[in-house]
């Protein structure tokens, strides 16, 4: 039988419907049906057992990720990256511990890779009840730290790409201490996703401990090579911030959420939900300075909830900034959000 995702599979569709009804409690049954069809099609089409094992493990890991993070969806979380090899007597370790403390005090939970070094310091500072650990199975180095070991908010992944989804999908901010290939990989992954609009704008904070020029040297490379040779634009530097203290890192994250709440697209329009509307003078300033990010004949308007947002009644009361956004100027969009927050 040749299976199709639309409902034209006859007895197979009936059997799937019966299974969904028999199990009960299924949310979004239309999506579950497509997932079952996808699994059946993979079984028909792929002779490579390794491919099927990859698909199977990926689905299981992502399901478990949603299960662990789901109860905490209303709590803002900060993902922190940094070297697993940072010693406990290093200034960066003490600074990461303090950052974990300050994030907890400010009402955030933390997400780390669950290992030693910077990850352990942040988890220690935040405490077990305010920590998530998303670990990875490696033959060396990456063992769960004492805060995360046995923690109900701990997940160990087989695949790096599933782990990366958890790091960024669940984060309301990302902070990066100095580190190795993995830290740089996460920095570039986050930047790429935000720059291309595949991830909503979030604070991305580069933290240099006192006397350390790790991120300063990295920024010199971005300026001297990437921007100088036209690979990136000046506004891309608005997608991240460099700081030299944990206090400043927390201030930058708090500032991002002073007025900004969240965003989504509704019928091709970008809708920014705000904790309170901007002052009239600020709104006019935004309109005057950000016409370059609009579609032809586009506008920036203040609005209430749009009809396409009716599935989010818990934030129906929030004011909206509706933008005919060109979906490419994400550095400029971040500048708009910063201007909006400055006046809060």
Foldseek 3Di string as FASTA:
>chain_A
DDDDLPPDPPPVLVVLVVVDVVVDPDDPSSVVSSVVSVLVVCVVPDPDVVVNVVVVQLVVQLVVLCVLCVVVLVFAEEEEDAAQPADCPDLLLQQLLVLLQVCLVVRYAYEYQQFHDSRVSNCNNVALVRYAHEHEDDPDRGDGDPSHVVRSRYHYGDDPVSSLCSSQVRHQEYEYEYYDPVRVVSVVVVLVCLQQVVHPQHEYEYEYEPPGCRVVVVVCCCVVPCVVVPVDDPLSVLSYYYDHHSVVVVVVRVLLQQWWDDWDDDPQKIKTFTPAFADPVLLVVLQVPPPVQADVVKGWDKAFDDPRPVVCVVRRGTIITITNGPSRPSSVVSVSSSSRSVRD
